[in-house]
Amino acid sequence: MPNEILSLTVDLIFETTQRIRIRIYDPTNKRYEVPIPVPTVETKANVTDYIVSLNQSPFAIIIIRKSTGTI
């Protein structure tokens, strides 16, 4: 396939107890990112209200809120 991306990078940043930031991108090709301000966090969260599960095949990211069980 033309322009097929063979490898992706997934960044999971545990920012606060209630917020996770997910970035999925092609590490070999730069792309334009809209310059929207993103909240910066000085210290990453050690304890969170969510559980993150990764599945490689088929690729999936599952996030479950601990307090409610909501996916």
PDB file of N, CA and C in Angstrom:
ATOM      1  N   MET A   1       0.838  -1.174   0.000  1.00  0.00           N
ATOM      2  CA  MET A   1       0.000   0.000   0.000  1.00  0.00           C
ATOM      3  C   MET A   1       0.891   1.248   0.000  1.00  0.00           C
ATOM      4  N   PRO A   2       0.533   2.235  -0.774  1.00  0.00           N
ATOM      5  CA  PRO A   2       1.319   3.471  -0.742  1.00  0.00           C
ATOM      6  C   PRO A   2       1.158   4.197   0.596  1.00  0.00           C
ATOM      7  N   ASN A   3       2.248   4.782   1.048  1.00  0.00           N
ATOM      8  CA  ASN A   3       2.267   5.546   2.304  1.00  0.00           C
ATOM      9  C   ASN A   3       1.871   4.723   3.530  1.00  0.00           C
ATOM     10  N   GLU A   4       2.088   3.423   3.464  1.00  0.00           N
ATOM     11  CA  GLU A   4       1.770   2.570   4.607  1.00  0.00           C
ATOM     12  C   GLU A   4       2.776   2.827   5.728  1.00  0.00           C
ATOM     13  N   ILE A   5       2.298   2.957   6.937  1.00  0.00           N
ATOM     14  CA  ILE A   5       3.164   3.158   8.096  1.00  0.00           C
ATOM     15  C   ILE A   5       3.415   1.790   8.714  1.00  0.00           C
ATOM     16  N   LEU A   6       4.694   1.396   8.772  1.00  0.00           N
ATOM     17  CA  LEU A   6       5.032   0.064   9.242  1.00  0.00           C
ATOM     18  C   LEU A   6       5.257  -0.010  10.751  1.00  0.00           C
ATOM     19  N   SER A   7       5.563   1.115  11.349  1.00  0.00           N
ATOM     20  CA  SER A   7       5.847   1.128  12.779  1.00  0.00           C
ATOM     21  C   SER A   7       5.244   2.384  13.407  1.00  0.00           C
ATOM     22  N   LEU A   8       4.624   2.216  14.555  1.00  0.00           N
ATOM     23  CA  LEU A   8       4.049   3.352  15.279  1.00  0.00           C
ATOM     24  C   LEU A   8       4.647   3.414  16.680  1.00  0.00           C
ATOM     25  N   THR A   9       4.711   4.607  17.213  1.00  0.00           N
ATOM     26  CA  THR A   9       5.129   4.799  18.595  1.00  0.00           C
ATOM     27  C   THR A   9       3.905   5.251  19.385  1.00  0.00           C
ATOM     28  N   VAL A  10       3.747   4.667  20.562  1.00  0.00           N
ATOM     29  CA  VAL A  10       2.638   5.033  21.442  1.00  0.00           C
ATOM     30  C   VAL A  10       3.236   5.593  22.726  1.00  0.00           C
ATOM     31  N   ASP A  11       2.896   6.833  23.038  1.00  0.00           N
ATOM     32  CA  ASP A  11       3.307   7.460  24.296  1.00  0.00           C
ATOM     33  C   ASP A  11       2.095   7.528  25.213  1.00  0.00           C
ATOM     34  N   LEU A  12       2.229   6.963  26.396  1.00  0.00           N
ATOM     35  CA  LEU A  12       1.196   7.063  27.427  1.00  0.00           C
ATOM     36  C   LEU A  12       1.787   7.885  28.560  1.00  0.00           C
ATOM     37  N   ILE A  13       1.218   9.041  28.814  1.00  0.00           N
ATOM     38  CA  ILE A  13       1.741   9.935  29.838  1.00  0.00           C
ATOM     39  C   ILE A  13       0.680  10.068  30.931  1.00  0.00           C
ATOM     40  N   PHE A  14       1.004   9.562  32.100  1.00  0.00           N
ATOM     41  CA  PHE A  14       0.086   9.591  33.236  1.00  0.00           C
ATOM     42  C   PHE A  14       0.226  10.957  33.901  1.00  0.00           C
ATOM     43  N   GLU A  15      -0.593  11.906  33.477  1.00  0.00           N
ATOM     44  CA  GLU A  15      -0.423  13.295  33.887  1.00  0.00           C
ATOM     45  C   GLU A  15      -0.960  13.588  35.282  1.00  0.00           C
ATOM     46  N   THR A  16      -2.175  13.183  35.551  1.00  0.00           N
ATOM     47  CA  THR A  16      -2.777  13.431  36.869  1.00  0.00           C
ATOM     48  C   THR A  16      -3.539  12.175  37.277  1.00  0.00           C
ATOM     49  N   THR A  17      -4.124  12.217  38.456  1.00  0.00           N
ATOM     50  CA  THR A  17      -4.923  11.066  38.914  1.00  0.00           C
ATOM     51  C   THR A  17      -6.072  10.764  37.970  1.00  0.00           C
ATOM     52  N   GLN A  18      -6.588  11.780  37.289  1.00  0.00           N
ATOM     53  CA  GLN A  18      -7.764  11.637  36.436  1.00  0.00           C
ATOM     54  C   GLN A  18      -7.481  11.791  34.943  1.00  0.00           C
ATOM     55  N   ARG A  19      -6.214  12.072  34.560  1.00  0.00           N
ATOM     56  CA  ARG A  19      -5.950  12.377  33.148  1.00  0.00           C
ATOM     57  C   ARG A  19      -4.721  11.636  32.637  1.00  0.00           C
ATOM     58  N   ILE A  20      -4.902  10.999  31.471  1.00  0.00           N
ATOM     59  CA  ILE A  20      -3.810  10.342  30.762  1.00  0.00           C
ATOM     60  C   ILE A  20      -3.732  10.963  29.369  1.00  0.00           C
ATOM     61  N   ARG A  21      -2.528  11.169  28.885  1.00  0.00           N
ATOM     62  CA  ARG A  21      -2.344  11.713  27.532  1.00  0.00           C
ATOM     63  C   ARG A  21      -1.796  10.596  26.656  1.00  0.00           C
ATOM     64  N   ILE A  22      -2.433  10.400  25.504  1.00  0.00           N
ATOM     65  CA  ILE A  22      -2.021   9.346  24.577  1.00  0.00           C
ATOM     66  C   ILE A  22      -1.610   9.982  23.259  1.00  0.00           C
ATOM     67  N   ARG A  23      -0.406   9.656  22.801  1.00  0.00           N
ATOM     68  CA  ARG A  23       0.061  10.106  21.480  1.00  0.00           C
ATOM     69  C   ARG A  23       0.431   8.867  20.680  1.00  0.00           C
ATOM     70  N   ILE A  24      -0.097   8.759  19.473  1.00  0.00           N
ATOM     71  CA  ILE A  24       0.240   7.669  18.562  1.00  0.00           C
ATOM     72  C   ILE A  24       0.784   8.323  17.306  1.00  0.00           C
ATOM     73  N   TYR A  25       2.022   7.974  16.931  1.00  0.00           N
ATOM     74  CA  TYR A  25       2.634   8.651  15.792  1.00  0.00           C
ATOM     75  C   TYR A  25       3.667   7.770  15.093  1.00  0.00           C
ATOM     76  N   ASP A  26       4.000   8.171  13.879  1.00  0.00           N
ATOM     77  CA  ASP A  26       5.019   7.519  13.063  1.00  0.00           C
ATOM     78  C   ASP A  26       6.376   8.093  13.477  1.00  0.00           C
ATOM     79  N   PRO A  27       7.266   7.287  14.060  1.00  0.00           N
ATOM     80  CA  PRO A  27       8.539   7.820  14.543  1.00  0.00           C
ATOM     81  C   PRO A  27       9.528   8.173  13.430  1.00  0.00           C
ATOM     82  N   THR A  28       9.280   7.700  12.219  1.00  0.00           N
ATOM     83  CA  THR A  28      10.235   7.939  11.133  1.00  0.00           C
ATOM     84  C   THR A  28       9.915   9.165  10.295  1.00  0.00           C
ATOM     85  N   ASN A  29       8.692   9.668  10.369  1.00  0.00           N
ATOM     86  CA  ASN A  29       8.305  10.828   9.567  1.00  0.00           C
ATOM     87  C   ASN A  29       7.674  11.895  10.444  1.00  0.00           C
ATOM     88  N   LYS A  30       8.245  13.093  10.381  1.00  0.00           N
ATOM     89  CA  LYS A  30       7.647  14.211  11.116  1.00  0.00           C
ATOM     90  C   LYS A  30       6.334  14.590  10.463  1.00  0.00           C
ATOM     91  N   ARG A  31       5.420  15.071  11.265  1.00  0.00           N
ATOM     92  CA  ARG A  31       4.143  15.512  10.728  1.00  0.00           C
ATOM     93  C   ARG A  31       3.769  16.827  11.393  1.00  0.00           C
ATOM     94  N   TYR A  32       2.868  17.511  10.776  1.00  0.00           N
ATOM     95  CA  TYR A  32       2.399  18.776  11.335  1.00  0.00           C
ATOM     96  C   TYR A  32       1.501  18.491  12.529  1.00  0.00           C
ATOM     97  N   GLU A  33       1.701  19.215  13.597  1.00  0.00           N
ATOM     98  CA  GLU A  33       0.808  19.132  14.748  1.00  0.00           C
ATOM     99  C   GLU A  33       0.218  20.511  14.988  1.00  0.00           C
ATOM    100  N   VAL A  34      -1.077  20.554  15.138  1.00  0.00           N
ATOM    101  CA  VAL A  34      -1.765  21.816  15.374  1.00  0.00           C
ATOM    102  C   VAL A  34      -1.229  22.411  16.681  1.00  0.00           C
ATOM    103  N   PRO A  35      -0.821  23.675  16.651  1.00  0.00           N
ATOM    104  CA  PRO A  35      -0.225  24.276  17.853  1.00  0.00           C
ATOM    105  C   PRO A  35      -1.265  24.666  18.910  1.00  0.00           C
ATOM    106  N   ILE A  36      -1.904  23.663  19.452  1.00  0.00           N
ATOM    107  CA  ILE A  36      -2.890  23.876  20.515  1.00  0.00           C
ATOM    108  C   ILE A  36      -2.165  23.712  21.850  1.00  0.00           C
ATOM    109  N   PRO A  37      -2.352  24.646  22.764  1.00  0.00           N
ATOM    110  CA  PRO A  37      -1.679  24.507  24.056  1.00  0.00           C
ATOM    111  C   PRO A  37      -2.138  23.246  24.793  1.00  0.00           C
ATOM    112  N   VAL A  38      -1.170  22.512  25.296  1.00  0.00           N
ATOM    113  CA  VAL A  38      -1.444  21.297  26.063  1.00  0.00           C
ATOM    114  C   VAL A  38      -1.010  21.575  27.499  1.00  0.00           C
ATOM    115  N   PRO A  39      -1.837  21.240  28.475  1.00  0.00           N
ATOM    116  CA  PRO A  39      -1.439  21.490  29.864  1.00  0.00           C
ATOM    117  C   PRO A  39      -0.124  20.771  30.180  1.00  0.00           C
ATOM    118  N   THR A  40       0.774  21.474  30.831  1.00  0.00           N
ATOM    119  CA  THR A  40       2.030  20.843  31.228  1.00  0.00           C
ATOM    120  C   THR A  40       1.928  20.418  32.683  1.00  0.00           C
ATOM    121  N   VAL A  41       2.588  19.330  32.982  1.00  0.00           N
ATOM    122  CA  VAL A  41       2.555  18.772  34.327  1.00  0.00           C
ATOM    123  C   VAL A  41       3.996  18.663  34.808  1.00  0.00           C
ATOM    124  N   GLU A  42       4.277  19.226  35.968  1.00  0.00           N
ATOM    125  CA  GLU A  42       5.634  19.184  36.524  1.00  0.00           C
ATOM    126  C   GLU A  42       5.990  17.777  37.014  1.00  0.00           C
ATOM    127  N   THR A  43       5.063  17.158  37.739  1.00  0.00           N
ATOM    128  CA  THR A  43       5.296  15.833  38.306  1.00  0.00           C
ATOM    129  C   THR A  43       4.211  14.891  37.817  1.00  0.00           C
ATOM    130  N   LYS A  44       4.624  13.761  37.276  1.00  0.00           N
ATOM    131  CA  LYS A  44       3.668  12.770  36.782  1.00  0.00           C
ATOM    132  C   LYS A  44       2.959  12.107  37.967  1.00  0.00           C
ATOM    133  N   ALA A  45       1.761  11.634  37.726  1.00  0.00           N
ATOM    134  CA  ALA A  45       0.958  10.991  38.772  1.00  0.00           C
ATOM    135  C   ALA A  45       1.539   9.627  39.136  1.00  0.00           C
ATOM    136  N   ASN A  46       1.679   9.367  40.431  1.00  0.00           N
ATOM    137  CA  ASN A  46       2.127   8.056  40.902  1.00  0.00           C
ATOM    138  C   ASN A  46       0.944   7.122  41.122  1.00  0.00           C
ATOM    139  N   VAL A  47      -0.192   7.694  41.503  1.00  0.00           N
ATOM    140  CA  VAL A  47      -1.416   6.934  41.736  1.00  0.00           C
ATOM    141  C   VAL A  47      -2.475   7.512  40.812  1.00  0.00           C
ATOM    142  N   THR A  48      -3.198   6.640  40.119  1.00  0.00           N
ATOM    143  CA  THR A  48      -4.211   7.112  39.170  1.00  0.00           C
ATOM    144  C   THR A  48      -5.556   6.450  39.443  1.00  0.00           C
ATOM    145  N   ASP A  49      -6.602   7.014  38.855  1.00  0.00           N
ATOM    146  CA  ASP A  49      -7.948   6.449  38.963  1.00  0.00           C
ATOM    147  C   ASP A  49      -8.278   5.635  37.714  1.00  0.00           C
ATOM    148  N   TYR A  50      -7.262   5.135  37.024  1.00  0.00           N
ATOM    149  CA  TYR A  50      -7.522   4.344  35.827  1.00  0.00           C
ATOM    150  C   TYR A  50      -6.510   3.214  35.700  1.00  0.00           C
ATOM    151  N   ILE A  51      -6.943   2.186  34.992  1.00  0.00           N
ATOM    152  CA  ILE A  51      -6.101   1.036  34.671  1.00  0.00           C
ATOM    153  C   ILE A  51      -5.937   1.038  33.160  1.00  0.00           C
ATOM    154  N   VAL A  52      -4.708   0.880  32.689  1.00  0.00           N
ATOM    155  CA  VAL A  52      -4.441   0.877  31.253  1.00  0.00           C
ATOM    156  C   VAL A  52      -3.977  -0.514  30.854  1.00  0.00           C
ATOM    157  N   SER A  53      -4.629  -1.075  29.827  1.00  0.00           N
ATOM    158  CA  SER A  53      -4.227  -2.364  29.265  1.00  0.00           C
ATOM    159  C   SER A  53      -3.889  -2.161  27.800  1.00  0.00           C
ATOM    160  N   LEU A  54      -2.805  -2.788  27.364  1.00  0.00           N
ATOM    161  CA  LEU A  54      -2.405  -2.729  25.957  1.00  0.00           C
ATOM    162  C   LEU A  54      -2.497  -4.115  25.351  1.00  0.00           C
ATOM    163  N   ASN A  55      -2.981  -4.179  24.135  1.00  0.00           N
ATOM    164  CA  ASN A  55      -3.040  -5.421  23.382  1.00  0.00           C
ATOM    165  C   ASN A  55      -2.292  -5.175  22.076  1.00  0.00           C
ATOM    166  N   GLN A  56      -1.376  -6.077  21.711  1.00  0.00           N
ATOM    167  CA  GLN A  56      -0.579  -5.854  20.508  1.00  0.00           C
ATOM    168  C   GLN A  56      -1.240  -6.366  19.238  1.00  0.00           C
ATOM    169  N   SER A  57      -1.976  -7.485  19.330  1.00  0.00           N
ATOM    170  CA  SER A  57      -2.555  -8.029  18.106  1.00  0.00           C
ATOM    171  C   SER A  57      -3.948  -8.579  18.386  1.00  0.00           C
ATOM    172  N   PRO A  58      -4.994  -7.912  17.937  1.00  0.00           N
ATOM    173  CA  PRO A  58      -4.996  -6.632  17.247  1.00  0.00           C
ATOM    174  C   PRO A  58      -4.676  -5.515  18.240  1.00  0.00           C
ATOM    175  N   PHE A  59      -4.096  -4.443  17.728  1.00  0.00           N
ATOM    176  CA  PHE A  59      -3.680  -3.343  18.594  1.00  0.00           C
ATOM    177  C   PHE A  59      -4.890  -2.717  19.275  1.00  0.00           C
ATOM    178  N   ALA A  60      -4.773  -2.528  20.586  1.00  0.00           N
ATOM    179  CA  ALA A  60      -5.853  -1.888  21.341  1.00  0.00           C
ATOM    180  C   ALA A  60      -5.288  -1.275  22.611  1.00  0.00           C
ATOM    181  N   ILE A  61      -5.850  -0.149  22.999  1.00  0.00           N
ATOM    182  CA  ILE A  61      -5.571   0.470  24.289  1.00  0.00           C
ATOM    183  C   ILE A  61      -6.909   0.508  25.028  1.00  0.00           C
ATOM    184  N   ILE A  62      -6.938  -0.099  26.205  1.00  0.00           N
ATOM    185  CA  ILE A  62      -8.169  -0.140  26.994  1.00  0.00           C
ATOM    186  C   ILE A  62      -7.905   0.603  28.300  1.00  0.00           C
ATOM    187  N   ILE A  63      -8.739   1.594  28.580  1.00  0.00           N
ATOM    188  CA  ILE A  63      -8.594   2.374  29.807  1.00  0.00           C
ATOM    189  C   ILE A  63      -9.878   2.213  30.616  1.00  0.00           C
ATOM    190  N   ILE A  64      -9.718   1.770  31.858  1.00  0.00           N
ATOM    191  CA  ILE A  64     -10.863   1.540  32.740  1.00  0.00           C
ATOM    192  C   ILE A  64     -10.725   2.444  33.961  1.00  0.00           C
ATOM    193  N   ARG A  65     -11.772   3.194  34.264  1.00  0.00           N
ATOM    194  CA  ARG A  65     -11.771   4.043  35.460  1.00  0.00           C
ATOM    195  C   ARG A  65     -12.001   3.152  36.677  1.00  0.00           C
ATOM    196  N   LYS A  66     -11.051   3.169  37.613  1.00  0.00           N
ATOM    197  CA  LYS A  66     -11.123   2.313  38.797  1.00  0.00           C
ATOM    198  C   LYS A  66     -12.373   2.584  39.633  1.00  0.00           C
ATOM    199  N   SER A  67     -12.724   3.851  39.803  1.00  0.00           N
ATOM    200  CA  SER A  67     -13.826   4.198  40.707  1.00  0.00           C
ATOM    201  C   SER A  67     -15.192   3.750  40.198  1.00  0.00           C
ATOM    202  N   THR A  68     -15.356   3.616  38.866  1.00  0.00           N
ATOM    203  CA  THR A  68     -16.672   3.265  38.320  1.00  0.00           C
ATOM    204  C   THR A  68     -16.665   2.005  37.456  1.00  0.00           C
ATOM    205  N   GLY A  69     -15.485   1.573  37.013  1.00  0.00           N
ATOM    206  CA  GLY A  69     -15.404   0.436  36.100  1.00  0.00           C
ATOM    207  C   GLY A  69     -15.726   0.805  34.664  1.00  0.00           C
ATOM    208  N   THR A  70     -15.934   2.095  34.402  1.00  0.00           N
ATOM    209  CA  THR A  70     -16.263   2.569  33.056  1.00  0.00           C
ATOM    210  C   THR A  70     -15.069   2.409  32.131  1.00  0.00           C
ATOM    211  N   ILE A  71     -15.342   1.908  30.917  1.00  0.00           N
ATOM    212  CA  ILE A  71     -14.284   1.763  29.906  1.00  0.00           C
ATOM    213  C   ILE A  71     -14.203   3.032  29.107  1.00  0.00           C
TER     214      ILE A  71
END
